[in-house]
Protein backbone atom coordinates (compact mmCIF):
# COMPACT_ATOMS: atom_id res chain seq x y z
CA MET A 1 -121.00 -19.71 -74.38
CA CYS A 2 -117.37 -18.57 -74.16
CA VAL A 3 -115.07 -20.49 -71.84
CA CYS A 4 -112.33 -18.72 -69.92
CA VAL A 5 -109.52 -21.10 -68.91
CA VAL A 6 -106.96 -19.78 -66.45
CA SER A 7 -104.12 -21.66 -64.82
CA PHE A 8 -102.54 -20.24 -61.73
CA THR A 9 -100.41 -21.38 -58.78
CA LEU A 10 -102.43 -19.72 -55.97
CA LEU A 11 -103.86 -22.24 -53.55
CA VAL A 12 -107.56 -21.92 -52.96
CA GLY A 13 -108.86 -22.62 -49.43
CA LYS A 14 -107.14 -25.55 -47.78
CA SER A 15 -106.04 -27.26 -50.95
CA LYS A 16 -102.53 -28.64 -50.92
CA LYS A 17 -102.15 -28.64 -54.67
CA PRO A 18 -102.43 -25.85 -57.25
CA ARG A 19 -105.86 -25.72 -58.87
CA HIS A 20 -106.44 -25.38 -62.65
CA LEU A 21 -109.77 -23.75 -62.56
CA ILE A 22 -112.19 -23.50 -65.49
CA LEU A 23 -114.86 -20.89 -65.18
CA LYS A 24 -117.99 -21.44 -67.30
CA CYS A 25 -120.17 -18.46 -66.48
CA ALA A 26 -121.87 -16.30 -69.11
CA ALA A 27 -122.04 -13.25 -66.88
CA TYR A 28 -118.40 -13.42 -65.90
CA ASN A 29 -117.29 -14.02 -69.43
CA LEU A 30 -119.25 -11.04 -70.75
CA LEU A 31 -117.55 -9.06 -68.03
CA LEU A 32 -114.21 -10.45 -69.13
CA LYS A 33 -114.77 -9.42 -72.73
CA TYR A 34 -115.50 -5.89 -71.60
CA PHE A 35 -112.47 -5.81 -69.25
CA LYS A 36 -110.16 -6.96 -72.06
CA GLN A 37 -111.37 -4.11 -74.19
CA GLN A 38 -110.72 -1.69 -71.40
CA THR A 39 -107.26 -3.07 -70.65
CA LYS A 40 -106.09 -1.78 -74.03
CA ARG A 41 -106.21 1.61 -72.34
CA ASN A 42 -105.35 0.50 -68.90
CA PRO A 43 -101.71 0.13 -67.73
CA TYR A 44 -102.37 -3.05 -65.64
CA CYS A 45 -102.15 -6.50 -67.11
CA ALA A 46 -105.22 -8.32 -68.30
CA GLN A 47 -103.79 -11.46 -66.82
CA GLY A 48 -104.59 -10.10 -63.32
CA ILE A 49 -108.23 -9.53 -64.35
CA GLU A 50 -108.57 -13.06 -65.70
CA ILE A 51 -107.14 -14.54 -62.51
CA LEU A 52 -109.42 -12.34 -60.42
CA ILE A 53 -112.51 -13.35 -62.31
CA THR A 54 -111.63 -17.00 -62.05
CA LEU A 55 -111.05 -16.70 -58.31
CA MET A 56 -114.31 -14.78 -57.85
CA GLY A 57 -116.26 -17.56 -59.45
CA ASN A 58 -114.54 -20.35 -57.54
CA GLN A 59 -116.91 -22.27 -55.29
CA PHE A 60 -114.65 -22.07 -52.23
CA VAL A 61 -114.37 -18.29 -52.57
CA LEU A 62 -118.16 -18.02 -53.02
CA SER A 63 -118.69 -20.11 -49.88
CA SER A 64 -116.13 -18.22 -47.83
CA SER A 65 -117.61 -14.91 -48.99
CA HIS A 66 -121.07 -15.99 -47.87
CA ALA A 67 -119.63 -17.09 -44.48
CA PHE A 68 -117.75 -13.79 -44.05
CA ARG A 69 -120.86 -11.78 -44.77
CA ASN A 70 -122.65 -13.52 -41.91
CA ILE A 71 -119.96 -12.73 -39.38
CA PRO A 72 -121.11 -9.87 -37.07
CA GLU A 73 -119.02 -6.76 -37.67
CA ARG A 74 -116.65 -5.98 -34.77
CA ASN A 75 -116.88 -2.39 -33.58
CA PHE A 76 -113.43 -1.81 -32.11
CA THR A 77 -113.08 0.94 -29.52
CA GLY A 78 -109.97 1.99 -27.63
CA PRO A 79 -108.17 4.74 -25.86
CA GLU A 80 -106.78 7.62 -27.93
CA GLN A 81 -103.39 7.68 -26.27
CA SER A 82 -103.08 5.81 -22.97
CA ALA A 83 -105.59 3.61 -21.29
CA SER A 84 -107.09 4.81 -17.95
CA GLU A 85 -105.46 3.43 -14.89
CA GLY A 86 -106.73 -0.01 -14.13
CA SER A 87 -108.26 -0.44 -17.58
CA VAL A 88 -106.67 -2.96 -19.87
CA GLN A 89 -107.40 -2.88 -23.62
CA PRO A 90 -106.64 -5.58 -26.19
CA LYS A 91 -103.26 -4.73 -27.81
CA CYS A 92 -104.18 -3.61 -31.29
CA VAL A 93 -102.34 -2.09 -34.27
CA TYR A 94 -104.47 0.15 -36.44
CA LEU A 95 -103.52 1.10 -40.02
CA PHE A 96 -104.60 4.12 -42.08
CA GLN A 97 -104.69 4.37 -45.87
CA ARG A 98 -101.45 3.16 -47.63
CA GLU A 99 -99.90 2.00 -44.37
CA TYR A 100 -98.87 -1.54 -43.49
CA ALA A 101 -97.60 -3.34 -40.43
CA THR A 102 -96.34 -6.77 -39.56
CA VAL A 103 -97.07 -7.97 -36.04
CA ASP A 104 -95.86 -10.71 -33.72
CA PRO A 105 -98.78 -12.58 -31.99
CA ALA A 106 -96.65 -12.66 -28.85
CA LEU A 107 -96.93 -8.81 -28.64
CA VAL A 108 -100.16 -7.89 -30.41
CA ASP A 109 -103.69 -9.30 -30.04
CA PHE A 110 -105.34 -7.68 -33.06
CA ILE A 111 -104.39 -5.81 -36.24
CA GLY A 112 -106.73 -4.14 -38.58
CA THR A 113 -107.85 -1.29 -40.78
CA ASP A 114 -111.12 0.29 -42.02
CA GLU A 115 -112.33 3.17 -44.19
CA ALA A 116 -111.55 1.02 -47.23
CA THR A 117 -114.21 1.90 -49.83
CA THR A 118 -112.34 1.67 -53.12
CA CYS A 119 -109.24 0.57 -51.26
CA VAL A 120 -108.55 -3.07 -50.15
CA GLY A 121 -107.44 -4.37 -46.79
CA ILE A 122 -105.19 -7.36 -47.35
CA ALA A 123 -103.92 -9.67 -44.57
CA ILE A 124 -101.17 -12.29 -45.03
CA ARG A 125 -100.47 -14.66 -42.08
CA ASN A 126 -97.83 -17.29 -41.68
CA ARG A 127 -99.57 -20.48 -40.45
CA HIS A 128 -96.42 -21.72 -38.73
CA ASN A 129 -95.43 -18.82 -36.52
CA GLY A 130 -98.58 -16.64 -36.62
CA MET A 131 -96.68 -13.61 -37.94
CA THR A 132 -99.35 -11.44 -39.59
CA SER A 133 -99.01 -8.52 -42.02
CA VAL A 134 -101.89 -6.23 -42.92
CA ALA A 135 -101.89 -3.39 -45.45
CA HIS A 136 -104.43 -0.84 -46.58
CA MET A 137 -103.74 -0.85 -50.34
CA ASP A 138 -105.04 2.27 -52.23
CA SER A 139 -103.41 1.99 -55.65
CA PRO A 140 -102.16 -0.62 -58.09
CA ALA A 141 -98.86 1.40 -58.26
CA ILE A 142 -97.86 0.35 -54.72
CA VAL A 143 -98.89 -3.35 -54.85
CA ASP A 144 -95.69 -5.10 -56.11
CA ILE A 145 -93.28 -3.42 -53.73
CA GLY A 146 -95.96 -3.35 -51.05
CA ILE A 147 -96.38 -7.09 -51.01
CA MET A 148 -92.59 -7.44 -50.80
CA GLN A 149 -92.63 -5.17 -47.76
CA MET A 150 -95.42 -7.23 -46.16
CA LEU A 151 -93.58 -10.51 -46.67
CA SER A 152 -90.20 -9.26 -45.43
CA HIS A 153 -90.89 -10.17 -41.76
CA ILE A 154 -93.14 -13.21 -42.14
CA VAL A 155 -91.45 -15.65 -44.54
CA ASN A 156 -87.93 -15.82 -43.05
CA ASN A 157 -86.34 -16.22 -46.50
CA SER A 158 -88.33 -19.45 -46.96
CA SER A 159 -90.69 -19.88 -49.88
CA ASP A 160 -92.08 -23.04 -48.24
CA ALA A 161 -94.17 -21.16 -45.65
CA GLU A 162 -97.91 -21.62 -45.88
CA LEU A 163 -99.39 -18.17 -46.12
CA ASP A 164 -103.05 -17.49 -45.65
CA VAL A 165 -104.45 -14.48 -47.56
CA HIS A 166 -107.54 -12.42 -46.89
CA MET A 167 -108.86 -9.52 -49.00
CA VAL A 168 -111.65 -7.24 -47.79
CA GLY A 169 -112.82 -3.98 -49.39
CA GLY A 170 -113.38 -2.52 -52.83
CA PHE A 171 -116.80 -2.71 -54.49
CA GLU A 172 -118.45 -2.32 -57.89
CA ASP A 173 -117.57 1.40 -58.24
CA ALA A 174 -117.23 1.62 -62.03
CA PRO A 175 -118.87 4.71 -63.63
CA GLY A 176 -122.59 4.12 -63.99
CA SER A 177 -122.86 2.28 -60.72
CA ASN A 178 -124.17 5.40 -58.98
CA HIS A 179 -126.48 8.24 -59.82
CA GLY A 180 -124.56 11.24 -60.87
CA SER A 181 -121.28 9.31 -61.17
CA ARG A 182 -118.78 10.46 -63.75
CA THR A 183 -115.57 9.30 -65.39
CA ASP A 184 -112.74 11.44 -64.19
CA SER A 185 -109.61 12.72 -65.93
CA HIS A 186 -107.60 9.79 -64.65
CA GLY A 187 -109.38 7.48 -67.07
CA LYS A 188 -111.15 5.29 -64.46
CA GLN A 189 -113.46 3.61 -66.90
CA MET A 190 -113.14 0.52 -64.72
CA GLY A 191 -113.51 2.31 -61.44
CA TYR A 192 -110.80 2.17 -58.74
CA SER A 193 -111.57 -1.16 -57.05
CA LEU A 194 -111.26 -3.54 -60.00
CA PRO A 195 -107.75 -2.53 -61.20
CA LEU A 196 -106.53 -2.66 -57.59
CA CYS A 197 -107.91 -6.12 -56.91
CA ALA A 198 -106.60 -7.36 -60.25
CA LYS A 199 -103.11 -6.08 -59.50
CA ILE A 200 -103.09 -7.69 -56.03
CA VAL A 201 -103.94 -11.18 -57.26
CA GLU A 202 -101.60 -10.82 -60.23
CA SER A 203 -98.74 -9.85 -57.90
CA LEU A 204 -99.42 -12.81 -55.67
CA TRP A 205 -99.66 -15.18 -58.62
CA LYS A 206 -96.19 -14.11 -59.90
CA ARG A 207 -94.46 -14.78 -56.62
CA GLN A 208 -92.98 -18.13 -55.49
CA GLU A 209 -94.49 -18.29 -52.06
CA ASN A 210 -97.45 -20.60 -51.25
CA PHE A 211 -100.44 -18.36 -50.87
CA ASN A 212 -103.71 -19.84 -49.59
CA ILE A 213 -106.63 -17.66 -50.63
CA GLN A 214 -108.94 -17.83 -47.68
CA THR A 215 -111.18 -14.76 -48.15
CA MET A 216 -111.91 -12.52 -51.13
CA TYR A 217 -114.71 -10.30 -49.97
CA VAL A 218 -114.28 -7.68 -52.69
CA LEU A 219 -116.06 -6.17 -55.71
CA GLY A 220 -119.44 -7.87 -56.36
CA HIS A 221 -119.32 -9.89 -53.16
CA ASN A 222 -118.90 -6.68 -51.13
CA THR A 223 -121.51 -4.50 -52.95
CA ARG A 224 -124.93 -3.38 -51.77
CA ARG A 225 -127.33 -0.67 -52.88
CA ASP A 226 -128.42 2.18 -50.67
CA ALA A 227 -131.95 3.69 -50.58
CA ASP A 228 -131.12 5.79 -53.69
CA GLY A 229 -129.82 2.81 -55.66
CA ASN A 230 -126.16 3.79 -55.28
CA ALA A 231 -123.51 1.09 -55.05
CA CYS A 232 -121.77 0.95 -51.68
CA PRO A 233 -119.43 -1.51 -49.94
CA ILE A 234 -120.98 -3.82 -47.37
CA PHE A 235 -117.82 -3.88 -45.23
CA THR A 236 -114.95 -1.39 -45.23
CA GLY A 237 -112.75 -2.90 -42.59
CA ILE A 238 -110.92 -6.03 -41.52
CA LEU A 239 -109.67 -7.18 -38.13
CA VAL A 240 -107.34 -10.14 -37.63
CA GLU A 241 -106.94 -11.96 -34.29
CA THR A 242 -103.24 -12.78 -34.41
CA ALA A 243 -103.26 -15.86 -32.10
CA THR A 244 -105.85 -17.75 -34.09
CA GLY A 245 -105.80 -16.11 -37.55
CA SER A 246 -109.56 -15.46 -37.32
CA ILE A 247 -110.81 -12.50 -39.29
CA PHE A 248 -113.74 -10.25 -38.81
CA PRO A 249 -115.50 -7.44 -40.64
CA ALA A 250 -114.58 -4.43 -38.60
CA SER A 251 -115.10 -0.75 -37.91
CA PHE A 252 -113.01 1.38 -35.63
CA SER A 253 -113.95 4.32 -33.42
CA ARG A 254 -112.01 7.55 -33.73
CA THR A 255 -110.26 6.90 -30.43
CA SER A 256 -109.02 3.53 -31.62
CA ARG A 257 -107.57 4.96 -34.87
CA CYS A 258 -104.36 5.84 -33.07
CA PRO A 259 -101.75 6.84 -32.33
CA ASP A 260 -101.01 10.21 -34.03
CA GLU A 261 -104.12 10.03 -36.23
CA VAL A 262 -104.02 13.54 -37.87
CA ILE A 263 -100.30 13.35 -38.69
CA ARG A 264 -100.58 9.94 -40.21
CA ARG A 265 -103.52 11.00 -42.35
CA ILE A 266 -101.67 14.07 -43.56
CA ARG A 267 -98.66 11.87 -44.41
CA VAL A 268 -100.74 9.90 -46.92
CA THR A 269 -101.04 13.00 -49.09
CA ALA A 270 -97.62 14.41 -48.30
CA CYS A 271 -95.79 11.26 -49.37
CA ASN A 272 -96.95 11.81 -52.98
CA ASP A 273 -94.32 14.55 -53.23
CA ASP A 274 -91.55 12.44 -51.65
CA PRO A 275 -89.82 10.26 -54.22
CA SER A 276 -88.41 7.98 -51.48
CA TRP A 277 -91.93 6.60 -51.01
CA THR A 278 -92.77 6.04 -54.69
CA GLY A 279 -94.35 2.63 -55.25
CA LYS A 280 -94.16 1.80 -51.51
CA LEU A 281 -96.51 1.29 -48.61
CA LEU A 282 -95.88 3.66 -45.65
CA GLU A 283 -93.90 2.14 -42.78
CA THR A 284 -95.31 3.10 -39.43
CA TYR A 285 -94.95 0.25 -36.98
CA ASP A 286 -91.76 -1.46 -35.67
CA THR A 287 -92.42 -5.22 -35.41
CA GLN A 288 -89.62 -6.02 -32.99
CA THR A 289 -90.29 -3.31 -30.44
CA ASP A 290 -94.04 -2.97 -30.67
CA LYS A 291 -93.73 0.80 -31.24
CA PHE A 292 -95.19 3.21 -33.74
CA VAL A 293 -92.41 5.17 -35.50
CA VAL A 294 -93.93 7.89 -37.65
CA ALA A 295 -91.18 9.02 -39.97
CA PRO A 296 -90.77 12.75 -40.81
CA SER A 297 -93.07 14.01 -43.50
CA CYS A 298 -92.66 17.25 -45.32
CA TRP A 299 -95.74 19.14 -46.46
CA SER A 300 -95.27 21.75 -49.11
CA ARG A 301 -96.44 25.34 -49.50
CA HIS A 302 -98.70 24.00 -52.20
CA GLN A 303 -100.45 21.80 -49.69
CA ILE A 304 -100.95 24.76 -47.34
CA ARG A 305 -102.40 26.89 -50.15
CA ALA A 306 -104.67 24.07 -51.19
CA ALA A 307 -105.87 23.62 -47.63
CA LEU A 308 -106.71 27.38 -47.34
CA LYS A 309 -108.60 27.36 -50.61
CA LEU A 310 -110.49 24.08 -50.15
CA TYR A 311 -111.45 24.78 -46.61
CA LYS A 312 -113.92 27.38 -47.89
CA LEU A 313 -115.87 24.83 -49.87
CA SER A 314 -119.12 23.28 -48.62
CA ASP A 315 -119.12 19.81 -47.09
CA THR A 316 -120.77 18.36 -50.23
CA GLN A 317 -118.16 19.98 -52.52
CA ILE A 318 -115.34 18.57 -50.32
CA LEU A 319 -116.91 15.13 -50.38
CA PHE A 320 -117.13 14.94 -54.13
CA LEU A 321 -113.74 16.59 -54.72
CA CYS A 322 -111.68 14.62 -52.17
CA SER A 323 -113.23 11.08 -52.23
CA THR A 324 -112.96 8.36 -54.82
CA SER A 325 -116.35 7.10 -53.56
CA PRO A 326 -118.49 10.02 -52.41
CA PHE A 327 -121.65 7.90 -52.17
CA ALA A 328 -119.91 5.34 -49.86
CA GLU A 329 -117.96 7.42 -47.38
CA GLY A 330 -118.62 7.33 -43.64
CA PRO A 331 -120.34 10.26 -41.87
CA ASP A 332 -117.03 11.60 -40.56
CA PHE A 333 -115.18 11.77 -43.88
CA VAL A 334 -115.41 15.53 -44.40
CA TYR A 335 -114.82 16.18 -40.71
CA ASN A 336 -111.55 14.22 -40.90
CA VAL A 337 -110.48 16.05 -44.02
CA ARG A 338 -111.11 19.43 -42.38
CA ARG A 339 -109.12 18.31 -39.28
CA GLN A 340 -106.11 17.71 -41.49
CA TRP A 341 -106.45 21.16 -43.11
CA ASP A 342 -106.86 22.69 -39.66
CA TYR A 343 -103.53 21.17 -38.62
CA LEU A 344 -101.77 22.24 -41.81
CA MET A 345 -102.93 25.82 -41.39
CA GLU A 346 -101.93 25.91 -37.75
CA HIS A 347 -98.61 24.21 -38.42
CA PRO A 348 -97.49 25.39 -41.90
CA ASP A 349 -93.83 24.48 -41.13
CA TRP A 350 -93.56 20.72 -40.96
CA ARG A 351 -90.38 21.07 -38.95
CA THR A 352 -92.34 22.06 -35.85
CA THR A 353 -94.05 18.68 -36.00
CA PHE A 354 -90.79 16.83 -36.59
CA PRO A 355 -88.16 18.84 -34.71
CA GLY A 356 -84.64 17.97 -35.89
CA MET A 357 -86.19 15.77 -38.57
CA GLN A 358 -86.70 13.08 -35.91
CA PRO A 359 -89.65 10.57 -36.08
CA ARG A 360 -92.53 10.71 -33.71
CA VAL A 361 -92.30 7.53 -31.57
CA PHE A 362 -95.11 5.96 -29.52
CA SER A 363 -94.71 3.05 -27.11
CA ARG A 364 -97.31 0.74 -25.70
CA THR A 365 -98.75 1.42 -22.24
CA HIS A 366 -99.53 -1.25 -19.71
CA GLY A 367 -103.17 -0.72 -20.45
CA GLY A 368 -102.82 -1.44 -24.16
CA GLY A 369 -102.87 2.15 -25.37
CA TRP A 370 -100.13 4.41 -26.76
CA MET A 371 -97.89 7.09 -25.25
CA ARG A 372 -95.56 9.51 -26.97
CA CYS A 373 -91.94 8.71 -26.11
């Protein structure tokens, strides 16, 4: 039996001292041997994978994963723009793919995200002041700067803060996990979820802050099989109650994925052509004013032509072409993609959406919804 020994300075659970964990598990070490072989062709450090495997086998993480799985999923619903008169909704901040937000518990009741199949929802909360940052991570390339962005409003230039960390999302999506799966041209021999999870824990490990790993419901912990034997995530969303720090598996209705849903979805793709967003999470929410500020996003003629061409495809073709996890997407995935293309075709000039290159700003209503300023 091989023994993998990994030392790291992350704090596990409520421990006050760094743990030097030794993992003695034949299955995990066979996995580690395979991962080390793959990392010769993978740009992300094997160190992150070793740390990840050690954490995944830690007894506290196993226990917390079991507890998280038994928490009933919260189905969050809310008004699309403004709440009806007399109706008061919890004050929530919702995040789409590649977005992040840091919220003040004095202003916001809940913060969350969903639709994370091969993506990971990560929450970091300051135990002292309750400031909470959540991100919907979709690529290892945005993790290092992304975590810096998340921490910028919650640590107050102090590395002594006790920071609780929760990770939910990602599953065992490596090629061979599903019937008809294939390795794509991007060289995803390891799938999408594993390199992302490994990069997140590696980035946390390298920093000086005190991170307390409370939840790691990812990869094998978050994998089930559907009726056809395909690997799928158990949960794809996370919701944080800001006052208490409690977390819940979550799903959000279309009306609660607001404000400015379609524009924010389009921006995820459009930002790939904008060098100012390279390696960064998308900023959407202003912590101090409790407003959504959707910065101008320029979509190209190439995107318009692509929308015109792809729109003609069948739903099945769109699903397999546009998703990193076609067997795991929600029933509205293709519908949401088509809505984006509809908007692009109806508004080919991005300047009509952002007149004068000004952001689209939404303020909170008295009922807890959102209203365009």
